[in-house]
Amino acid sequence: AFGYPHREIAEILGVTEAASQQILHRAKKHVADGRARTEID
């Protein structure tokens, strides 16, 4: 939503940059698995 780089997210959460990337991958998979969205005007 806010485009923060993983370097800054890692600093905020106290994790490594690689861990932040892995966490995002898991989160996006969980959301995608439950979502089939169609954008409409």
PDB file of all heavy atoms in Angstrom:
ATOM      1  N   ALA A   1       0.808  -1.221   0.000  1.00  0.00           N
ATOM      2  CA  ALA A   1       0.000   0.000   0.000  1.00  0.00           C
ATOM      3  C   ALA A   1       0.839   1.268   0.000  1.00  0.00           C
ATOM      4  O   ALA A   1       0.421   2.281  -0.566  1.00  0.00           O
ATOM      5  CB  ALA A   1      -0.944   0.004   1.204  1.00  0.00           C
ATOM      6  N   PHE A   2       2.007   1.222   0.622  1.00  0.00           N
ATOM      7  CA  PHE A   2       2.769   2.456   0.802  1.00  0.00           C
ATOM      8  C   PHE A   2       4.159   2.416   0.180  1.00  0.00           C
ATOM      9  O   PHE A   2       4.896   3.398   0.261  1.00  0.00           O
ATOM     10  CB  PHE A   2       2.851   2.801   2.298  1.00  0.00           C
ATOM     11  CG  PHE A   2       1.506   3.128   2.873  1.00  0.00           C
ATOM     12  CD1 PHE A   2       0.718   2.126   3.427  1.00  0.00           C
ATOM     13  CD2 PHE A   2       0.995   4.418   2.813  1.00  0.00           C
ATOM     14  CE1 PHE A   2      -0.547   2.413   3.924  1.00  0.00           C
ATOM     15  CE2 PHE A   2      -0.263   4.706   3.314  1.00  0.00           C
ATOM     16  CZ  PHE A   2      -1.036   3.712   3.865  1.00  0.00           C
ATOM     17  N   GLY A   3       4.497   1.296  -0.448  1.00  0.00           N
ATOM     18  CA  GLY A   3       5.720   1.227  -1.222  1.00  0.00           C
ATOM     19  C   GLY A   3       7.014   1.341  -0.431  1.00  0.00           C
ATOM     20  O   GLY A   3       8.051   1.718  -0.982  1.00  0.00           O
ATOM     21  N   TYR A   4       6.975   1.005   0.862  1.00  0.00           N
ATOM     22  CA  TYR A   4       8.217   1.080   1.645  1.00  0.00           C
ATOM     23  C   TYR A   4       9.191   0.017   1.136  1.00  0.00           C
ATOM     24  O   TYR A   4       8.806  -1.132   0.901  1.00  0.00           O
ATOM     25  CB  TYR A   4       7.925   0.824   3.128  1.00  0.00           C
ATOM     26  CG  TYR A   4       7.399   2.029   3.861  1.00  0.00           C
ATOM     27  CD1 TYR A   4       6.045   2.345   3.833  1.00  0.00           C
ATOM     28  CD2 TYR A   4       8.248   2.860   4.585  1.00  0.00           C
ATOM     29  CE1 TYR A   4       5.549   3.463   4.499  1.00  0.00           C
ATOM     30  CE2 TYR A   4       7.769   3.971   5.256  1.00  0.00           C
ATOM     31  CZ  TYR A   4       6.418   4.260   5.205  1.00  0.00           C
ATOM     32  OH  TYR A   4       5.942   5.374   5.853  1.00  0.00           O
ATOM     33  N   PRO A   5      10.456   0.357   0.972  1.00  0.00           N
ATOM     34  CA  PRO A   5      11.442  -0.661   0.580  1.00  0.00           C
ATOM     35  C   PRO A   5      11.662  -1.646   1.718  1.00  0.00           C
ATOM     36  O   PRO A   5      11.457  -1.318   2.891  1.00  0.00           O
ATOM     37  CB  PRO A   5      12.703   0.162   0.309  1.00  0.00           C
ATOM     38  CG  PRO A   5      12.528   1.440   1.051  1.00  0.00           C
ATOM     39  CD  PRO A   5      11.055   1.706   1.105  1.00  0.00           C
ATOM     40  N   HIS A   6      12.077  -2.844   1.346  1.00  0.00           N
ATOM     41  CA  HIS A   6      12.269  -3.879   2.364  1.00  0.00           C
ATOM     42  C   HIS A   6      13.322  -3.472   3.396  1.00  0.00           C
ATOM     43  O   HIS A   6      13.248  -3.881   4.558  1.00  0.00           O
ATOM     44  CB  HIS A   6      12.646  -5.209   1.700  1.00  0.00           C
ATOM     45  CG  HIS A   6      11.477  -5.915   1.100  1.00  0.00           C
ATOM     46  ND1 HIS A   6      10.491  -6.496   1.852  1.00  0.00           N
ATOM     47  CD2 HIS A   6      11.134  -6.099  -0.205  1.00  0.00           C
ATOM     48  CE1 HIS A   6       9.590  -7.053   1.048  1.00  0.00           C
ATOM     49  NE2 HIS A   6       9.950  -6.821  -0.198  1.00  0.00           N
ATOM     50  N   ARG A   7      14.287  -2.670   2.971  1.00  0.00           N
ATOM     51  CA  ARG A   7      15.300  -2.209   3.920  1.00  0.00           C
ATOM     52  C   ARG A   7      14.654  -1.433   5.067  1.00  0.00           C
ATOM     53  O   ARG A   7      14.985  -1.651   6.238  1.00  0.00           O
ATOM     54  CB  ARG A   7      16.318  -1.329   3.177  1.00  0.00           C
ATOM     55  CG  ARG A   7      17.371  -0.676   4.078  1.00  0.00           C
ATOM     56  CD  ARG A   7      18.313   0.186   3.249  1.00  0.00           C
ATOM     57  NE  ARG A   7      17.611   1.126   2.399  1.00  0.00           N
ATOM     58  CZ  ARG A   7      17.073   2.272   2.846  1.00  0.00           C
ATOM     59  NH1 ARG A   7      17.178   2.601   4.121  1.00  0.00           N
ATOM     60  NH2 ARG A   7      16.452   3.087   2.012  1.00  0.00           N
ATOM     61  N   GLU A   8      13.712  -0.543   4.748  1.00  0.00           N
ATOM     62  CA  GLU A   8      13.041   0.244   5.789  1.00  0.00           C
ATOM     63  C   GLU A   8      12.079  -0.612   6.603  1.00  0.00           C
ATOM     64  O   GLU A   8      11.957  -0.447   7.814  1.00  0.00           O
ATOM     65  CB  GLU A   8      12.304   1.424   5.156  1.00  0.00           C
ATOM     66  CG  GLU A   8      13.227   2.486   4.588  1.00  0.00           C
ATOM     67  CD  GLU A   8      12.466   3.708   4.108  1.00  0.00           C
ATOM     68  OE1 GLU A   8      11.381   3.991   4.651  1.00  0.00           O
ATOM     69  OE2 GLU A   8      12.956   4.386   3.187  1.00  0.00           O
ATOM     70  N   ILE A   9      11.379  -1.532   5.927  1.00  0.00           N
ATOM     71  CA  ILE A   9      10.451  -2.416   6.651  1.00  0.00           C
ATOM     72  C   ILE A   9      11.228  -3.275   7.644  1.00  0.00           C
ATOM     73  O   ILE A   9      10.791  -3.480   8.784  1.00  0.00           O
ATOM     74  CB  ILE A   9       9.668  -3.300   5.658  1.00  0.00           C
ATOM     75  CG1 ILE A   9       8.779  -2.439   4.761  1.00  0.00           C
ATOM     76  CG2 ILE A   9       8.817  -4.320   6.418  1.00  0.00           C
ATOM     77  CD1 ILE A   9       8.100  -3.188   3.641  1.00  0.00           C
ATOM     78  N   ALA A  10      12.383  -3.775   7.214  1.00  0.00           N
ATOM     79  CA  ALA A  10      13.216  -4.588   8.101  1.00  0.00           C
ATOM     80  C   ALA A  10      13.632  -3.792   9.335  1.00  0.00           C
ATOM     81  O   ALA A  10      13.635  -4.317  10.461  1.00  0.00           O
ATOM     82  CB  ALA A  10      14.449  -5.087   7.343  1.00  0.00           C
ATOM     83  N   GLU A  11      13.967  -2.529   9.148  1.00  0.00           N
ATOM     84  CA  GLU A  11      14.340  -1.660  10.263  1.00  0.00           C
ATOM     85  C   GLU A  11      13.161  -1.445  11.203  1.00  0.00           C
ATOM     86  O   GLU A  11      13.304  -1.475  12.426  1.00  0.00           O
ATOM     87  CB  GLU A  11      14.837  -0.321   9.711  1.00  0.00           C
ATOM     88  CG  GLU A  11      15.060   0.760  10.750  1.00  0.00           C
ATOM     89  CD  GLU A  11      16.181   0.441  11.727  1.00  0.00           C
ATOM     90  OE1 GLU A  11      17.058  -0.390  11.398  1.00  0.00           O
ATOM     91  OE2 GLU A  11      16.162   1.015  12.830  1.00  0.00           O
ATOM     92  N   ILE A  12      11.976  -1.250  10.644  1.00  0.00           N
ATOM     93  CA  ILE A  12      10.777  -1.022  11.459  1.00  0.00           C
ATOM     94  C   ILE A  12      10.452  -2.246  12.307  1.00  0.00           C
ATOM     95  O   ILE A  12      10.128  -2.141  13.493  1.00  0.00           O
ATOM     96  CB  ILE A  12       9.578  -0.666  10.546  1.00  0.00           C
ATOM     97  CG1 ILE A  12       9.760   0.743   9.958  1.00  0.00           C
ATOM     98  CG2 ILE A  12       8.251  -0.749  11.305  1.00  0.00           C
ATOM     99  CD1 ILE A  12       8.773   1.086   8.865  1.00  0.00           C
ATOM    100  N   LEU A  13      10.562  -3.431  11.705  1.00  0.00           N
ATOM    101  CA  LEU A  13      10.146  -4.664  12.388  1.00  0.00           C
ATOM    102  C   LEU A  13      11.283  -5.352  13.140  1.00  0.00           C
ATOM    103  O   LEU A  13      11.038  -6.311  13.877  1.00  0.00           O
ATOM    104  CB  LEU A  13       9.544  -5.646  11.378  1.00  0.00           C
ATOM    105  CG  LEU A  13       8.281  -5.183  10.645  1.00  0.00           C
ATOM    106  CD1 LEU A  13       7.785  -6.270   9.716  1.00  0.00           C
ATOM    107  CD2 LEU A  13       7.186  -4.808  11.637  1.00  0.00           C
ATOM    108  N   GLY A  14      12.500  -4.895  12.942  1.00  0.00           N
ATOM    109  CA  GLY A  14      13.624  -5.529  13.616  1.00  0.00           C
ATOM    110  C   GLY A  14      13.959  -6.895  13.056  1.00  0.00           C
ATOM    111  O   GLY A  14      14.300  -7.825  13.799  1.00  0.00           O
ATOM    112  N   VAL A  15      13.844  -7.042  11.713  1.00  0.00           N
ATOM    113  CA  VAL A  15      14.186  -8.301  11.058  1.00  0.00           C
ATOM    114  C   VAL A  15      15.192  -7.981   9.950  1.00  0.00           C
ATOM    115  O   VAL A  15      15.512  -6.827   9.685  1.00  0.00           O
ATOM    116  CB  VAL A  15      12.938  -8.983  10.451  1.00  0.00           C
ATOM    117  CG1 VAL A  15      11.941  -9.336  11.551  1.00  0.00           C
ATOM    118  CG2 VAL A  15      12.279  -8.107   9.387  1.00  0.00           C
ATOM    119  N   THR A  16      15.677  -9.013   9.286  1.00  0.00           N
ATOM    120  CA  THR A  16      16.577  -8.791   8.166  1.00  0.00           C
ATOM    121  C   THR A  16      15.775  -8.440   6.918  1.00  0.00           C
ATOM    122  O   THR A  16      14.568  -8.713   6.830  1.00  0.00           O
ATOM    123  CB  THR A  16      17.421 -10.036   7.876  1.00  0.00           C
ATOM    124  OG1 THR A  16      16.546 -11.095   7.434  1.00  0.00           O
ATOM    125  CG2 THR A  16      18.184 -10.483   9.117  1.00  0.00           C
ATOM    126  N   GLU A  17      16.465  -7.869   5.935  1.00  0.00           N
ATOM    127  CA  GLU A  17      15.801  -7.530   4.680  1.00  0.00           C
ATOM    128  C   GLU A  17      15.299  -8.795   3.980  1.00  0.00           C
ATOM    129  O   GLU A  17      14.197  -8.807   3.411  1.00  0.00           O
ATOM    130  CB  GLU A  17      16.769  -6.770   3.787  1.00  0.00           C
ATOM    131  CG  GLU A  17      16.130  -6.122   2.586  1.00  0.00           C
ATOM    132  CD  GLU A  17      17.080  -5.170   1.858  1.00  0.00           C
ATOM    133  OE1 GLU A  17      18.053  -4.703   2.485  1.00  0.00           O
ATOM    134  OE2 GLU A  17      16.820  -4.895   0.676  1.00  0.00           O
ATOM    135  N   ALA A  18      16.084  -9.857   4.035  1.00  0.00           N
ATOM    136  CA  ALA A  18      15.671 -11.123   3.416  1.00  0.00           C
ATOM    137  C   ALA A  18      14.420 -11.676   4.095  1.00  0.00           C
ATOM    138  O   ALA A  18      13.510 -12.198   3.437  1.00  0.00           O
ATOM    139  CB  ALA A  18      16.808 -12.144   3.491  1.00  0.00           C
ATOM    140  N   ALA A  19      14.365 -11.544   5.422  1.00  0.00           N
ATOM    141  CA  ALA A  19      13.188 -12.023   6.152  1.00  0.00           C
ATOM    142  C   ALA A  19      11.949 -11.230   5.763  1.00  0.00           C
ATOM    143  O   ALA A  19      10.853 -11.791   5.611  1.00  0.00           O
ATOM    144  CB  ALA A  19      13.426 -11.918   7.655  1.00  0.00           C
ATOM    145  N   SER A  20      12.109  -9.922   5.581  1.00  0.00           N
ATOM    146  CA  SER A  20      10.983  -9.092   5.163  1.00  0.00           C
ATOM    147  C   SER A  20      10.448  -9.554   3.812  1.00  0.00           C
ATOM    148  O   SER A  20       9.226  -9.640   3.612  1.00  0.00           O
ATOM    149  CB  SER A  20      11.422  -7.628   5.090  1.00  0.00           C
ATOM    150  OG  SER A  20      10.373  -6.815   4.601  1.00  0.00           O
ATOM    151  N   GLN A  21      11.344  -9.874   2.899  1.00  0.00           N
ATOM    152  CA  GLN A  21      10.933 -10.353   1.575  1.00  0.00           C
ATOM    153  C   GLN A  21      10.190 -11.686   1.675  1.00  0.00           C
ATOM    154  O   GLN A  21       9.177 -11.903   0.995  1.00  0.00           O
ATOM    155  CB  GLN A  21      12.161 -10.482   0.670  1.00  0.00           C
ATOM    156  CG  GLN A  21      12.808  -9.144   0.337  1.00  0.00           C
ATOM    157  CD  GLN A  21      14.152  -9.298  -0.351  1.00  0.00           C
ATOM    158  OE1 GLN A  21      14.800 -10.348  -0.263  1.00  0.00           O
ATOM    159  NE2 GLN A  21      14.593  -8.251  -1.034  1.00  0.00           N
ATOM    160  N   GLN A  22      10.677 -12.568   2.542  1.00  0.00           N
ATOM    161  CA  GLN A  22      10.025 -13.870   2.717  1.00  0.00           C
ATOM    162  C   GLN A  22       8.647 -13.708   3.354  1.00  0.00           C
ATOM    163  O   GLN A  22       7.685 -14.389   2.973  1.00  0.00           O
ATOM    164  CB  GLN A  22      10.899 -14.775   3.574  1.00  0.00           C
ATOM    165  CG  GLN A  22      12.183 -15.220   2.882  1.00  0.00           C
ATOM    166  CD  GLN A  22      13.138 -15.937   3.830  1.00  0.00           C
ATOM    167  OE1 GLN A  22      12.931 -15.947   5.049  1.00  0.00           O
ATOM    168  NE2 GLN A  22      14.192 -16.533   3.284  1.00  0.00           N
ATOM    169  N   ILE A  23       8.546 -12.802   4.316  1.00  0.00           N
ATOM    170  CA  ILE A  23       7.264 -12.553   4.977  1.00  0.00           C
ATOM    171  C   ILE A  23       6.250 -12.021   3.963  1.00  0.00           C
ATOM    172  O   ILE A  23       5.085 -12.433   3.948  1.00  0.00           O
ATOM    173  CB  ILE A  23       7.438 -11.562   6.146  1.00  0.00           C
ATOM    174  CG1 ILE A  23       8.238 -12.215   7.273  1.00  0.00           C
ATOM    175  CG2 ILE A  23       6.075 -11.099   6.678  1.00  0.00           C
ATOM    176  CD1 ILE A  23       8.690 -11.243   8.355  1.00  0.00           C
ATOM    177  N   LEU A  24       6.690 -11.104   3.101  1.00  0.00           N
ATOM    178  CA  LEU A  24       5.789 -10.567   2.081  1.00  0.00           C
ATOM    179  C   LEU A  24       5.310 -11.667   1.143  1.00  0.00           C
ATOM    180  O   LEU A  24       4.129 -11.721   0.786  1.00  0.00           O
ATOM    181  CB  LEU A  24       6.481  -9.468   1.282  1.00  0.00           C
ATOM    182  CG  LEU A  24       5.631  -8.885   0.137  1.00  0.00           C
ATOM    183  CD1 LEU A  24       4.413  -8.154   0.683  1.00  0.00           C
ATOM    184  CD2 LEU A  24       6.465  -7.958  -0.735  1.00  0.00           C
ATOM    185  N   HIS A  25       6.225 -12.541   0.739  1.00  0.00           N
ATOM    186  CA  HIS A  25       5.861 -13.641  -0.156  1.00  0.00           C
ATOM    187  C   HIS A  25       4.761 -14.501   0.470  1.00  0.00           C
ATOM    188  O   HIS A  25       3.768 -14.840  -0.198  1.00  0.00           O
ATOM    189  CB  HIS A  25       7.099 -14.491  -0.467  1.00  0.00           C
ATOM    190  CG  HIS A  25       6.807 -15.686  -1.337  1.00  0.00           C
ATOM    191  ND1 HIS A  25       6.557 -15.583  -2.691  1.00  0.00           N
ATOM    192  CD2 HIS A  25       6.693 -17.008  -1.021  1.00  0.00           C
ATOM    193  CE1 HIS A  25       6.313 -16.790  -3.178  1.00  0.00           C
ATOM    194  NE2 HIS A  25       6.396 -17.657  -2.190  1.00  0.00           N
ATOM    195  N   ARG A  26       4.912 -14.831   1.751  1.00  0.00           N
ATOM    196  CA  ARG A  26       3.888 -15.635   2.433  1.00  0.00           C
ATOM    197  C   ARG A  26       2.573 -14.886   2.517  1.00  0.00           C
ATOM    198  O   ARG A  26       1.498 -15.456   2.287  1.00  0.00           O
ATOM    199  CB  ARG A  26       4.365 -16.012   3.846  1.00  0.00           C
ATOM    200  CG  ARG A  26       5.490 -17.025   3.898  1.00  0.00           C
ATOM    201  CD  ARG A  26       5.562 -17.676   5.272  1.00  0.00           C
ATOM    202  NE  ARG A  26       5.666 -16.688   6.343  1.00  0.00           N
ATOM    203  CZ  ARG A  26       6.809 -16.226   6.833  1.00  0.00           C
ATOM    204  NH1 ARG A  26       7.957 -16.647   6.317  1.00  0.00           N
ATOM    205  NH2 ARG A  26       6.828 -15.357   7.824  1.00  0.00           N
ATOM    206  N   ALA A  27       2.647 -13.605   2.866  1.00  0.00           N
ATOM    207  CA  ALA A  27       1.426 -12.813   3.030  1.00  0.00           C
ATOM    208  C   ALA A  27       0.663 -12.709   1.718  1.00  0.00           C
ATOM    209  O   ALA A  27      -0.560 -12.883   1.677  1.00  0.00           O
ATOM    210  CB  ALA A  27       1.782 -11.422   3.555  1.00  0.00           C
ATOM    211  N   LYS A  28       1.374 -12.431   0.632  1.00  0.00           N
ATOM    212  CA  LYS A  28       0.714 -12.296  -0.663  1.00  0.00           C
ATOM    213  C   LYS A  28       0.085 -13.611  -1.105  1.00  0.00           C
ATOM    214  O   LYS A  28      -0.993 -13.622  -1.716  1.00  0.00           O
ATOM    215  CB  LYS A  28       1.713 -11.804  -1.715  1.00  0.00           C
ATOM    216  CG  LYS A  28       2.151 -10.362  -1.511  1.00  0.00           C
ATOM    217  CD  LYS A  28       3.190  -9.925  -2.511  1.00  0.00           C
ATOM    218  CE  LYS A  28       2.611  -9.754  -3.887  1.00  0.00           C
ATOM    219  NZ  LYS A  28       3.584  -9.134  -4.821  1.00  0.00           N
ATOM    220  N   LYS A  29       0.740 -14.725  -0.772  1.00  0.00           N
ATOM    221  CA  LYS A  29       0.171 -16.031  -1.131  1.00  0.00           C
ATOM    222  C   LYS A  29      -1.113 -16.279  -0.351  1.00  0.00           C
ATOM    223  O   LYS A  29      -2.118 -16.741  -0.912  1.00  0.00           O
ATOM    224  CB  LYS A  29       1.178 -17.133  -0.850  1.00  0.00           C
ATOM    225  CG  LYS A  29       0.709 -18.508  -1.312  1.00  0.00           C
ATOM    226  CD  LYS A  29       1.755 -19.573  -1.077  1.00  0.00           C
ATOM    227  CE  LYS A  29       1.327 -20.900  -1.684  1.00  0.00           C
ATOM    228  NZ  LYS A  29       0.010 -21.365  -1.214  1.00  0.00           N
ATOM    229  N   HIS A  30      -1.111 -15.971   0.948  1.00  0.00           N
ATOM    230  CA  HIS A  30      -2.319 -16.170   1.760  1.00  0.00           C
ATOM    231  C   HIS A  30      -3.473 -15.327   1.218  1.00  0.00           C
ATOM    232  O   HIS A  30      -4.614 -15.794   1.142  1.00  0.00           O
ATOM    233  CB  HIS A  30      -2.052 -15.778   3.216  1.00  0.00           C
ATOM    234  CG  HIS A  30      -1.175 -16.730   3.953  1.00  0.00           C
ATOM    235  ND1 HIS A  30      -1.276 -18.102   3.815  1.00  0.00           N
ATOM    236  CD2 HIS A  30      -0.169 -16.522   4.850  1.00  0.00           C
ATOM    237  CE1 HIS A  30      -0.376 -18.683   4.588  1.00  0.00           C
ATOM    238  NE2 HIS A  30       0.311 -17.750   5.219  1.00  0.00           N
ATOM    239  N   VAL A  31      -3.183 -14.085   0.858  1.00  0.00           N
ATOM    240  CA  VAL A  31      -4.238 -13.204   0.344  1.00  0.00           C
ATOM    241  C   VAL A  31      -4.717 -13.700  -1.021  1.00  0.00           C
ATOM    242  O   VAL A  31      -5.925 -13.772  -1.275  1.00  0.00           O
ATOM    243  CB  VAL A  31      -3.734 -11.749   0.251  1.00  0.00           C
ATOM    244  CG1 VAL A  31      -4.745 -10.876  -0.496  1.00  0.00           C
ATOM    245  CG2 VAL A  31      -3.491 -11.182   1.646  1.00  0.00           C
ATOM    246  N   ALA A  32      -3.788 -14.062  -1.902  1.00  0.00           N
ATOM    247  CA  ALA A  32      -4.156 -14.504  -3.243  1.00  0.00           C
ATOM    248  C   ALA A  32      -4.967 -15.795  -3.208  1.00  0.00           C
ATOM    249  O   ALA A  32      -5.893 -15.984  -4.004  1.00  0.00           O
ATOM    250  CB  ALA A  32      -2.904 -14.701  -4.101  1.00  0.00           C
ATOM    251  N   ASP A  33      -4.647 -16.680  -2.270  1.00  0.00           N
ATOM    252  CA  ASP A  33      -5.359 -17.955  -2.177  1.00  0.00           C
ATOM    253  C   ASP A  33      -6.832 -17.764  -1.837  1.00  0.00           C
ATOM    254  O   ASP A  33      -7.666 -18.613  -2.178  1.00  0.00           O
ATOM    255  CB  ASP A  33      -4.716 -18.851  -1.109  1.00  0.00           C
ATOM    256  CG  ASP A  33      -3.398 -19.448  -1.581  1.00  0.00           C
ATOM    257  OD1 ASP A  33      -3.113 -19.363  -2.791  1.00  0.00           O
ATOM    258  OD2 ASP A  33      -2.648 -19.977  -0.737  1.00  0.00           O
ATOM    259  N   GLY A  34      -7.159 -16.657  -1.162  1.00  0.00           N
ATOM    260  CA  GLY A  34      -8.547 -16.445  -0.773  1.00  0.00           C
ATOM    261  C   GLY A  34      -9.249 -15.379  -1.570  1.00  0.00           C
ATOM    262  O   GLY A  34     -10.358 -14.961  -1.223  1.00  0.00           O
ATOM    263  N   ARG A  35      -8.630 -14.950  -2.676  1.00  0.00           N
ATOM    264  CA  ARG A  35      -9.136 -13.762  -3.364  1.00  0.00           C
ATOM    265  C   ARG A  35      -9.082 -13.927  -4.869  1.00  0.00           C
ATOM    266  O   ARG A  35      -8.068 -14.335  -5.408  1.00  0.00           O
ATOM    267  CB  ARG A  35      -8.268 -12.570  -2.940  1.00  0.00           C
ATOM    268  CG  ARG A  35      -8.616 -11.250  -3.589  1.00  0.00           C
ATOM    269  CD  ARG A  35      -9.718 -10.572  -2.830  1.00  0.00           C
ATOM    270  NE  ARG A  35      -9.781  -9.154  -3.150  1.00  0.00           N
ATOM    271  CZ  ARG A  35     -10.898  -8.533  -3.468  1.00  0.00           C
ATOM    272  NH1 ARG A  35     -12.016  -9.199  -3.533  1.00  0.00           N
ATOM    273  NH2 ARG A  35     -10.900  -7.239  -3.695  1.00  0.00           N
ATOM    274  N   ALA A  36     -10.176 -13.635  -5.539  1.00  0.00           N
ATOM    275  CA  ALA A  36     -10.216 -13.619  -6.999  1.00  0.00           C
ATOM    276  C   ALA A  36     -10.945 -12.346  -7.411  1.00  0.00           C
ATOM    277  O   ALA A  36     -12.119 -12.334  -7.713  1.00  0.00           O
ATOM    278  CB  ALA A  36     -10.940 -14.847  -7.532  1.00  0.00           C
ATOM    279  N   ARG A  37     -10.211 -11.242  -7.386  1.00  0.00           N
ATOM    280  CA  ARG A  37     -10.842  -9.931  -7.532  1.00  0.00           C
ATOM    281  C   ARG A  37     -10.860  -9.456  -8.979  1.00  0.00           C
ATOM    282  O   ARG A  37      -9.917  -9.664  -9.715  1.00  0.00           O
ATOM    283  CB  ARG A  37     -10.102  -8.896  -6.670  1.00  0.00           C
ATOM    284  CG  ARG A  37     -10.796  -7.552  -6.637  1.00  0.00           C
ATOM    285  CD  ARG A  37     -10.284  -6.720  -5.483  1.00  0.00           C
ATOM    286  NE  ARG A  37     -11.136  -5.556  -5.291  1.00  0.00           N
ATOM    287  CZ  ARG A  37     -10.829  -4.340  -5.725  1.00  0.00           C
ATOM    288  NH1 ARG A  37      -9.717  -4.135  -6.381  1.00  0.00           N
ATOM    289  NH2 ARG A  37     -11.646  -3.334  -5.512  1.00  0.00           N
ATOM    290  N   THR A  38     -11.955  -8.804  -9.352  1.00  0.00           N
ATOM    291  CA  THR A  38     -12.071  -8.165 -10.647  1.00  0.00           C
ATOM    292  C   THR A  38     -12.278  -6.681 -10.417  1.00  0.00           C
ATOM    293  O   THR A  38     -13.245  -6.278  -9.775  1.00  0.00           O
ATOM    294  CB  THR A  38     -13.260  -8.744 -11.430  1.00  0.00           C
ATOM    295  OG1 THR A  38     -13.091 -10.157 -11.573  1.00  0.00           O
ATOM    296  CG2 THR A  38     -13.349  -8.116 -12.807  1.00  0.00           C
ATOM    297  N   GLU A  39     -11.384  -5.853 -10.941  1.00  0.00           N
ATOM    298  CA  GLU A  39     -11.548  -4.410 -10.776  1.00  0.00           C
ATOM    299  C   GLU A  39     -12.646  -3.915 -11.715  1.00  0.00           C
ATOM    300  O   GLU A  39     -12.688  -4.271 -12.891  1.00  0.00           O
ATOM    301  CB  GLU A  39     -10.226  -3.693 -11.082  1.00  0.00           C
ATOM    302  CG  GLU A  39      -9.224  -3.836  -9.970  1.00  0.00           C
ATOM    303  CD  GLU A  39      -8.402  -2.574  -9.777  1.00  0.00           C
ATOM    304  OE1 GLU A  39      -8.991  -1.477  -9.767  1.00  0.00           O
ATOM    305  OE2 GLU A  39      -7.186  -2.707  -9.645  1.00  0.00           O
ATOM    306  N   ILE A  40     -13.555  -3.110 -11.183  1.00  0.00           N
ATOM    307  CA  ILE A  40     -14.651  -2.577 -11.982  1.00  0.00           C
ATOM    308  C   ILE A  40     -14.745  -1.079 -11.754  1.00  0.00           C
ATOM    309  O   ILE A  40     -14.373  -0.584 -10.690  1.00  0.00           O
ATOM    310  CB  ILE A  40     -15.989  -3.257 -11.623  1.00  0.00           C
ATOM    311  CG1 ILE A  40     -16.214  -3.251 -10.107  1.00  0.00           C
ATOM    312  CG2 ILE A  40     -16.022  -4.672 -12.144  1.00  0.00           C
ATOM    313  CD1 ILE A  40     -17.501  -3.881  -9.676  1.00  0.00           C
ATOM    314  N   ASP A  41     -15.222  -0.368 -12.762  1.00  0.00           N
ATOM    315  CA  ASP A  41     -15.278   1.081 -12.636  1.00  0.00           C
ATOM    316  C   ASP A  41     -16.514   1.511 -11.843  1.00  0.00           C
ATOM    317  O   ASP A  41     -17.379   0.692 -11.497  1.00  0.00           O
ATOM    318  CB  ASP A  41     -15.241   1.761 -14.012  1.00  0.00           C
ATOM    319  CG  ASP A  41     -16.423   1.360 -14.891  1.00  0.00           C
ATOM    320  OD1 ASP A  41     -17.521   1.085 -14.364  1.00  0.00           O
ATOM    321  OD2 ASP A  41     -16.251   1.331 -16.121  1.00  0.00           O
TER     322      ASP A  41
END
